[in-house]
């Protein structure tokens, strides 16, 4: 009986010593890896030198012309607004619906109104402060433009207008702006029949416009 008690005490002491060794003291020895997997794989970490290459850099730049997955721009009609021969596409190459027009209005108001104005007549807030007035979207020349030419002005810039491809990064957003510009153009020549088709009352529009003019 006494020997069993002594054995229990010794066991508790050994357990206490073992538990005391698990307090996280620093050790120069590598940890024991029971399951190696790829823990010791041969690799280079960031900014680690690599003598295999002449510049001794392990972090190499991608090969020139590398395109990230999902960023291929092979469809030049969609991404540049031109055909293979360099001519402009006549019509917007993506489906035009209400959602696209609403997105176009949002992007137009953000990026285009400072120069072109809310109505597209080129009377934005920055005109008269040293900026060259842009042409009105309602000029016959622009009314007759292919959609791709307007897209190209956004993508490449035109005359004194710089390229906006870095501000409007998505091609579909650029086409959305083109669609909204076309909507602005149509709005200047809309008939009462056109308004009725889309569910608007021409009489209420006329009365509201008259009230606004009276208040001014």
C-alpha atoms as a PDB file:
ATOM      1  CA  UNK A   1       0.000   0.000   0.000  1.00  0.00           C
ATOM      2  CA  UNK A   2       2.824   2.300   0.931  1.00  0.00           C
ATOM      3  CA  UNK A   3       4.688   1.458  -2.260  1.00  0.00           C
ATOM      4  CA  UNK A   4       1.635   2.341  -4.346  1.00  0.00           C
ATOM      5  CA  UNK A   5       1.374   5.719  -2.623  1.00  0.00           C
ATOM      6  CA  UNK A   6       5.055   6.379  -3.222  1.00  0.00           C
ATOM      7  CA  UNK A   7       4.593   5.420  -6.867  1.00  0.00           C
ATOM      8  CA  UNK A   8       1.728   7.922  -7.196  1.00  0.00           C
ATOM      9  CA  UNK A   9       3.830  10.707  -5.686  1.00  0.00           C
ATOM     10  CA  UNK A  10       6.718   9.971  -8.046  1.00  0.00           C
ATOM     11  CA  UNK A  11       4.335   9.941 -11.009  1.00  0.00           C
ATOM     12  CA  UNK A  12       2.919  13.325  -9.981  1.00  0.00           C
ATOM     13  CA  UNK A  13       6.425  14.773  -9.669  1.00  0.00           C
ATOM     14  CA  UNK A  14       7.377  13.495 -13.114  1.00  0.00           C
ATOM     15  CA  UNK A  15       4.155  14.958 -14.543  1.00  0.00           C
ATOM     16  CA  UNK A  16       4.874  18.306 -12.891  1.00  0.00           C
ATOM     17  CA  UNK A  17       8.393  18.329 -14.390  1.00  0.00           C
ATOM     18  CA  UNK A  18       7.015  17.535 -17.830  1.00  0.00           C
ATOM     19  CA  UNK A  19       4.368  20.230 -17.580  1.00  0.00           C
ATOM     20  CA  UNK A  20       6.977  22.702 -16.402  1.00  0.00           C
ATOM     21  CA  UNK A  21       8.978  22.034 -19.530  1.00  0.00           C
ATOM     22  CA  UNK A  22       6.019  23.222 -21.683  1.00  0.00           C
ATOM     23  CA  UNK A  23       6.057  26.850 -20.548  1.00  0.00           C
ATOM     24  CA  UNK A  24       7.531  28.110 -23.839  1.00  0.00           C
ATOM     25  CA  UNK A  25      11.152  28.757 -22.941  1.00  0.00           C
ATOM     26  CA  UNK A  26      13.399  29.836 -25.851  1.00  0.00           C
ATOM     27  CA  UNK A  27      15.306  27.021 -27.509  1.00  0.00           C
ATOM     28  CA  UNK A  28      17.937  26.943 -30.225  1.00  0.00           C
ATOM     29  CA  UNK A  29      16.779  23.524 -31.331  1.00  0.00           C
ATOM     30  CA  UNK A  30      14.238  23.230 -34.172  1.00  0.00           C
ATOM     31  CA  UNK A  31      10.760  22.069 -33.153  1.00  0.00           C
ATOM     32  CA  UNK A  32       9.896  18.440 -33.632  1.00  0.00           C
ATOM     33  CA  UNK A  33       7.680  18.025 -36.701  1.00  0.00           C
ATOM     34  CA  UNK A  34       5.859  14.716 -36.482  1.00  0.00           C
ATOM     35  CA  UNK A  35       4.169  15.303 -39.839  1.00  0.00           C
ATOM     36  CA  UNK A  36       6.499  17.083 -42.242  1.00  0.00           C
ATOM     37  CA  UNK A  37       4.165  17.642 -45.207  1.00  0.00           C
ATOM     38  CA  UNK A  38       5.795  20.576 -47.082  1.00  0.00           C
ATOM     39  CA  UNK A  39       7.137  22.325 -43.981  1.00  0.00           C
ATOM     40  CA  UNK A  40      10.727  21.969 -45.142  1.00  0.00           C
ATOM     41  CA  UNK A  41      10.046  22.549 -48.834  1.00  0.00           C
ATOM     42  CA  UNK A  42      12.794  24.115 -50.906  1.00  0.00           C
ATOM     43  CA  UNK A  43      11.681  27.705 -51.570  1.00  0.00           C
ATOM     44  CA  UNK A  44      12.758  31.347 -51.488  1.00  0.00           C
ATOM     45  CA  UNK A  45      11.086  33.888 -49.262  1.00  0.00           C
ATOM     46  CA  UNK A  46      10.369  37.516 -50.200  1.00  0.00           C
ATOM     47  CA  UNK A  47      13.502  39.593 -50.847  1.00  0.00           C
ATOM     48  CA  UNK A  48      15.746  36.570 -50.216  1.00  0.00           C
ATOM     49  CA  UNK A  49      18.777  36.447 -52.576  1.00  0.00           C
ATOM     50  CA  UNK A  50      18.912  33.777 -55.249  1.00  0.00           C
ATOM     51  CA  UNK A  51      22.297  33.057 -56.783  1.00  0.00           C
ATOM     52  CA  UNK A  52      20.742  31.237 -59.723  1.00  0.00           C
ATOM     53  CA  UNK A  53      19.925  34.544 -61.468  1.00  0.00           C
ATOM     54  CA  UNK A  54      22.406  37.217 -62.515  1.00  0.00           C
ATOM     55  CA  UNK A  55      20.729  39.929 -60.431  1.00  0.00           C
ATOM     56  CA  UNK A  56      20.492  37.536 -57.441  1.00  0.00           C
ATOM     57  CA  UNK A  57      16.821  38.357 -56.946  1.00  0.00           C
ATOM     58  CA  UNK A  58      14.333  35.645 -56.037  1.00  0.00           C
ATOM     59  CA  UNK A  59      11.375  37.996 -56.692  1.00  0.00           C
ATOM     60  CA  UNK A  60      11.322  38.252 -60.486  1.00  0.00           C
ATOM     61  CA  UNK A  61       9.072  40.507 -62.524  1.00  0.00           C
ATOM     62  CA  UNK A  62       6.535  38.776 -64.803  1.00  0.00           C
ATOM     63  CA  UNK A  63       7.618  38.180 -68.372  1.00  0.00           C
ATOM     64  CA  UNK A  64       6.895  41.215 -70.552  1.00  0.00           C
ATOM     65  CA  UNK A  65       3.399  40.981 -71.991  1.00  0.00           C
ATOM     66  CA  UNK A  66       2.111  38.703 -69.218  1.00  0.00           C
ATOM     67  CA  UNK A  67      -1.648  39.081 -68.764  1.00  0.00           C
ATOM     68  CA  UNK A  68      -3.238  38.219 -65.382  1.00  0.00           C
ATOM     69  CA  UNK A  69      -5.937  35.577 -65.425  1.00  0.00           C
ATOM     70  CA  UNK A  70      -9.296  37.148 -66.240  1.00  0.00           C
ATOM     71  CA  UNK A  71      -7.777  40.334 -67.701  1.00  0.00           C
ATOM     72  CA  UNK A  72      -7.386  39.334 -71.342  1.00  0.00           C
ATOM     73  CA  UNK A  73      -8.286  42.229 -73.661  1.00  0.00           C
ATOM     74  CA  UNK A  74      -8.570  40.233 -76.878  1.00  0.00           C
ATOM     75  CA  UNK A  75     -11.924  41.729 -77.919  1.00  0.00           C
ATOM     76  CA  UNK A  76     -10.762  45.109 -79.266  1.00  0.00           C
ATOM     77  CA  UNK A  77     -14.307  46.101 -80.242  1.00  0.00           C
ATOM     78  CA  UNK A  78     -15.322  45.945 -76.601  1.00  0.00           C
ATOM     79  CA  UNK A  79     -12.145  47.221 -74.983  1.00  0.00           C
ATOM     80  CA  UNK A  80     -10.978  49.805 -77.545  1.00  0.00           C
ATOM     81  CA  UNK A  81     -14.093  50.574 -79.579  1.00  0.00           C
ATOM     82  CA  UNK A  82     -12.492  49.750 -82.935  1.00  0.00           C
ATOM     83  CA  UNK A  83     -12.482  47.005 -85.555  1.00  0.00           C
ATOM     84  CA  UNK A  84      -9.418  45.078 -86.687  1.00  0.00           C
ATOM     85  CA  UNK A  85      -8.865  47.648 -89.464  1.00  0.00           C
ATOM     86  CA  UNK A  86      -8.864  50.530 -86.970  1.00  0.00           C
ATOM     87  CA  UNK A  87     -12.303  51.889 -87.882  1.00  0.00           C
ATOM     88  CA  UNK A  88     -14.717  52.771 -85.070  1.00  0.00           C
ATOM     89  CA  UNK A  89     -17.562  50.449 -84.147  1.00  0.00           C
ATOM     90  CA  UNK A  90     -20.934  51.907 -85.051  1.00  0.00           C
ATOM     91  CA  UNK A  91     -22.946  50.596 -82.109  1.00  0.00           C
ATOM     92  CA  UNK A  92     -22.281  49.811 -78.460  1.00  0.00           C
ATOM     93  CA  UNK A  93     -21.073  46.169 -78.452  1.00  0.00           C
ATOM     94  CA  UNK A  94     -22.679  45.228 -75.110  1.00  0.00           C
ATOM     95  CA  UNK A  95     -26.383  44.929 -74.201  1.00  0.00           C
ATOM     96  CA  UNK A  96     -27.957  48.312 -73.441  1.00  0.00           C
ATOM     97  CA  UNK A  97     -30.625  48.208 -70.744  1.00  0.00           C
ATOM     98  CA  UNK A  98     -31.912  50.415 -67.951  1.00  0.00           C
ATOM     99  CA  UNK A  99     -29.216  49.217 -65.544  1.00  0.00           C
ATOM    100  CA  UNK A 100     -26.487  50.226 -68.005  1.00  0.00           C
ATOM    101  CA  UNK A 101     -28.051  53.673 -68.494  1.00  0.00           C
ATOM    102  CA  UNK A 102     -28.292  54.203 -64.737  1.00  0.00           C
ATOM    103  CA  UNK A 103     -24.655  53.182 -64.359  1.00  0.00           C
ATOM    104  CA  UNK A 104     -23.774  55.511 -67.226  1.00  0.00           C
ATOM    105  CA  UNK A 105     -25.566  58.407 -65.537  1.00  0.00           C
ATOM    106  CA  UNK A 106     -23.672  57.732 -62.321  1.00  0.00           C
ATOM    107  CA  UNK A 107     -20.278  57.595 -64.040  1.00  0.00           C
ATOM    108  CA  UNK A 108     -21.082  60.570 -66.283  1.00  0.00           C
ATOM    109  CA  UNK A 109     -22.029  62.723 -63.292  1.00  0.00           C
ATOM    110  CA  UNK A 110     -18.795  61.772 -61.528  1.00  0.00           C
ATOM    111  CA  UNK A 111     -16.283  62.151 -64.361  1.00  0.00           C
ATOM    112  CA  UNK A 112     -17.857  64.188 -67.169  1.00  0.00           C
ATOM    113  CA  UNK A 113     -20.040  66.935 -65.700  1.00  0.00           C
ATOM    114  CA  UNK A 114     -17.183  69.231 -64.559  1.00  0.00           C
ATOM    115  CA  UNK A 115     -16.498  69.998 -68.248  1.00  0.00           C
ATOM    116  CA  UNK A 116     -19.510  68.799 -70.232  1.00  0.00           C
ATOM    117  CA  UNK A 117     -22.236  69.794 -67.781  1.00  0.00           C
ATOM    118  CA  UNK A 118     -25.225  67.778 -66.624  1.00  0.00           C
ATOM    119  CA  UNK A 119     -27.047  68.230 -69.941  1.00  0.00           C
ATOM    120  CA  UNK A 120     -24.042  67.706 -72.230  1.00  0.00           C
ATOM    121  CA  UNK A 121     -23.941  71.228 -73.696  1.00  0.00           C
ATOM    122  CA  UNK A 122     -20.321  71.791 -72.602  1.00  0.00           C
ATOM    123  CA  UNK A 123     -21.213  74.240 -69.844  1.00  0.00           C
ATOM    124  CA  UNK A 124     -19.573  72.490 -66.894  1.00  0.00           C
ATOM    125  CA  UNK A 125     -18.490  74.246 -63.735  1.00  0.00           C
ATOM    126  CA  UNK A 126     -14.798  74.430 -64.717  1.00  0.00           C
ATOM    127  CA  UNK A 127     -15.475  76.235 -67.998  1.00  0.00           C
ATOM    128  CA  UNK A 128     -14.456  79.870 -67.694  1.00  0.00           C
ATOM    129  CA  UNK A 129     -11.691  79.019 -65.241  1.00  0.00           C
ATOM    130  CA  UNK A 130      -8.980  78.449 -67.786  1.00  0.00           C
ATOM    131  CA  UNK A 131     -10.329  75.255 -69.333  1.00  0.00           C
ATOM    132  CA  UNK A 132     -11.028  74.996 -73.034  1.00  0.00           C
ATOM    133  CA  UNK A 133     -14.811  74.588 -73.537  1.00  0.00           C
ATOM    134  CA  UNK A 134     -15.612  71.118 -74.904  1.00  0.00           C
ATOM    135  CA  UNK A 135     -17.989  70.698 -77.846  1.00  0.00           C
ATOM    136  CA  UNK A 136     -21.671  70.149 -77.140  1.00  0.00           C
ATOM    137  CA  UNK A 137     -22.836  66.569 -77.426  1.00  0.00           C
ATOM    138  CA  UNK A 138     -25.847  67.926 -79.291  1.00  0.00           C
ATOM    139  CA  UNK A 139     -23.846  69.193 -82.267  1.00  0.00           C
ATOM    140  CA  UNK A 140     -24.681  67.431 -85.502  1.00  0.00           C
ATOM    141  CA  UNK A 141     -21.070  66.274 -85.837  1.00  0.00           C
ATOM    142  CA  UNK A 142     -21.234  64.346 -82.564  1.00  0.00           C
ATOM    143  CA  UNK A 143     -24.793  63.186 -83.172  1.00  0.00           C
ATOM    144  CA  UNK A 144     -23.501  61.473 -86.319  1.00  0.00           C
ATOM    145  CA  UNK A 145     -20.410  59.992 -84.644  1.00  0.00           C
ATOM    146  CA  UNK A 146     -20.075  56.204 -84.323  1.00  0.00           C
ATOM    147  CA  UNK A 147     -20.428  55.039 -80.733  1.00  0.00           C
ATOM    148  CA  UNK A 148     -16.860  53.762 -80.883  1.00  0.00           C
ATOM    149  CA  UNK A 149     -15.506  57.252 -81.565  1.00  0.00           C
ATOM    150  CA  UNK A 150     -17.077  58.596 -78.370  1.00  0.00           C
ATOM    151  CA  UNK A 151     -15.688  55.576 -76.510  1.00  0.00           C
ATOM    152  CA  UNK A 152     -12.263  56.276 -78.017  1.00  0.00           C
ATOM    153  CA  UNK A 153     -12.356  59.825 -76.664  1.00  0.00           C
ATOM    154  CA  UNK A 154     -12.843  58.394 -73.174  1.00  0.00           C
ATOM    155  CA  UNK A 155     -10.242  55.675 -73.693  1.00  0.00           C
ATOM    156  CA  UNK A 156      -7.536  57.613 -75.564  1.00  0.00           C
ATOM    157  CA  UNK A 157      -8.475  61.256 -75.065  1.00  0.00           C
ATOM    158  CA  UNK A 158      -9.283  63.739 -77.823  1.00  0.00           C
ATOM    159  CA  UNK A 159      -7.838  67.194 -78.549  1.00  0.00           C
ATOM    160  CA  UNK A 160      -7.508  68.938 -75.156  1.00  0.00           C
ATOM    161  CA  UNK A 161      -9.358  66.148 -73.338  1.00  0.00           C
ATOM    162  CA  UNK A 162      -7.004  63.689 -71.603  1.00  0.00           C
ATOM    163  CA  UNK A 163      -7.536  59.947 -71.485  1.00  0.00           C
ATOM    164  CA  UNK A 164      -9.941  58.821 -68.768  1.00  0.00           C
ATOM    165  CA  UNK A 165      -9.119  55.125 -69.021  1.00  0.00           C
ATOM    166  CA  UNK A 166      -7.455  55.146 -65.597  1.00  0.00           C
ATOM    167  CA  UNK A 167     -10.353  56.976 -63.946  1.00  0.00           C
ATOM    168  CA  UNK A 168     -13.011  54.871 -65.678  1.00  0.00           C
ATOM    169  CA  UNK A 169     -11.186  51.547 -65.533  1.00  0.00           C
ATOM    170  CA  UNK A 170     -13.930  49.129 -66.602  1.00  0.00           C
ATOM    171  CA  UNK A 171     -14.720  48.961 -70.316  1.00  0.00           C
ATOM    172  CA  UNK A 172     -18.409  48.403 -69.556  1.00  0.00           C
ATOM    173  CA  UNK A 173     -18.468  51.637 -67.524  1.00  0.00           C
ATOM    174  CA  UNK A 174     -17.054  53.535 -70.511  1.00  0.00           C
ATOM    175  CA  UNK A 175     -19.758  52.079 -72.737  1.00  0.00           C
ATOM    176  CA  UNK A 176     -22.308  52.968 -70.070  1.00  0.00           C
ATOM    177  CA  UNK A 177     -21.202  56.604 -70.353  1.00  0.00           C
ATOM    178  CA  UNK A 178     -21.544  56.410 -74.142  1.00  0.00           C
ATOM    179  CA  UNK A 179     -25.068  55.026 -73.725  1.00  0.00           C
ATOM    180  CA  UNK A 180     -25.993  57.828 -71.328  1.00  0.00           C
ATOM    181  CA  UNK A 181     -24.603  60.461 -73.710  1.00  0.00           C
ATOM    182  CA  UNK A 182     -26.839  59.002 -76.420  1.00  0.00           C
ATOM    183  CA  UNK A 183     -29.752  59.220 -73.973  1.00  0.00           C
ATOM    184  CA  UNK A 184     -28.959  62.897 -73.355  1.00  0.00           C
ATOM    185  CA  UNK A 185     -28.956  63.500 -77.098  1.00  0.00           C
ATOM    186  CA  UNK A 186     -32.300  61.763 -77.566  1.00  0.00           C
ATOM    187  CA  UNK A 187     -33.797  63.729 -74.663  1.00  0.00           C
ATOM    188  CA  UNK A 188     -33.381  67.017 -76.577  1.00  0.00           C
ATOM    189  CA  UNK A 189     -35.586  65.867 -79.414  1.00  0.00           C
ATOM    190  CA  UNK A 190     -38.062  63.650 -77.570  1.00  0.00           C
ATOM    191  CA  UNK A 191     -41.674  63.963 -78.741  1.00  0.00           C
ATOM    192  CA  UNK A 192     -44.824  63.694 -76.669  1.00  0.00           C
ATOM    193  CA  UNK A 193     -45.293  60.223 -78.082  1.00  0.00           C
ATOM    194  CA  UNK A 194     -41.823  59.210 -76.884  1.00  0.00           C
ATOM    195  CA  UNK A 195     -42.643  60.424 -73.378  1.00  0.00           C
ATOM    196  CA  UNK A 196     -45.959  58.588 -73.374  1.00  0.00           C
ATOM    197  CA  UNK A 197     -44.244  55.338 -74.405  1.00  0.00           C
ATOM    198  CA  UNK A 198     -41.984  55.443 -71.367  1.00  0.00           C
ATOM    199  CA  UNK A 199     -44.892  56.283 -69.060  1.00  0.00           C
ATOM    200  CA  UNK A 200     -44.377  60.046 -68.611  1.00  0.00           C
ATOM    201  CA  UNK A 201     -47.110  62.666 -68.894  1.00  0.00           C
ATOM    202  CA  UNK A 202     -46.064  65.462 -71.310  1.00  0.00           C
ATOM    203  CA  UNK A 203     -48.584  67.853 -69.755  1.00  0.00           C
ATOM    204  CA  UNK A 204     -47.105  67.480 -66.268  1.00  0.00           C
ATOM    205  CA  UNK A 205     -43.603  68.022 -67.619  1.00  0.00           C
ATOM    206  CA  UNK A 206     -44.696  71.169 -69.417  1.00  0.00           C
ATOM    207  CA  UNK A 207     -46.464  72.555 -66.371  1.00  0.00           C
ATOM    208  CA  UNK A 208     -43.526  71.829 -64.098  1.00  0.00           C
ATOM    209  CA  UNK A 209     -41.178  73.556 -66.538  1.00  0.00           C
ATOM    210  CA  UNK A 210     -43.514  76.567 -66.681  1.00  0.00           C
ATOM    211  CA  UNK A 211     -43.635  76.775 -62.890  1.00  0.00           C
ATOM    212  CA  UNK A 212     -39.873  76.652 -62.711  1.00  0.00           C
ATOM    213  CA  UNK A 213     -39.543  79.495 -65.249  1.00  0.00           C
ATOM    214  CA  UNK A 214     -42.118  81.547 -63.315  1.00  0.00           C
ATOM    215  CA  UNK A 215     -40.243  81.060 -60.068  1.00  0.00           C
ATOM    216  CA  UNK A 216     -37.033  82.233 -61.707  1.00  0.00           C
END
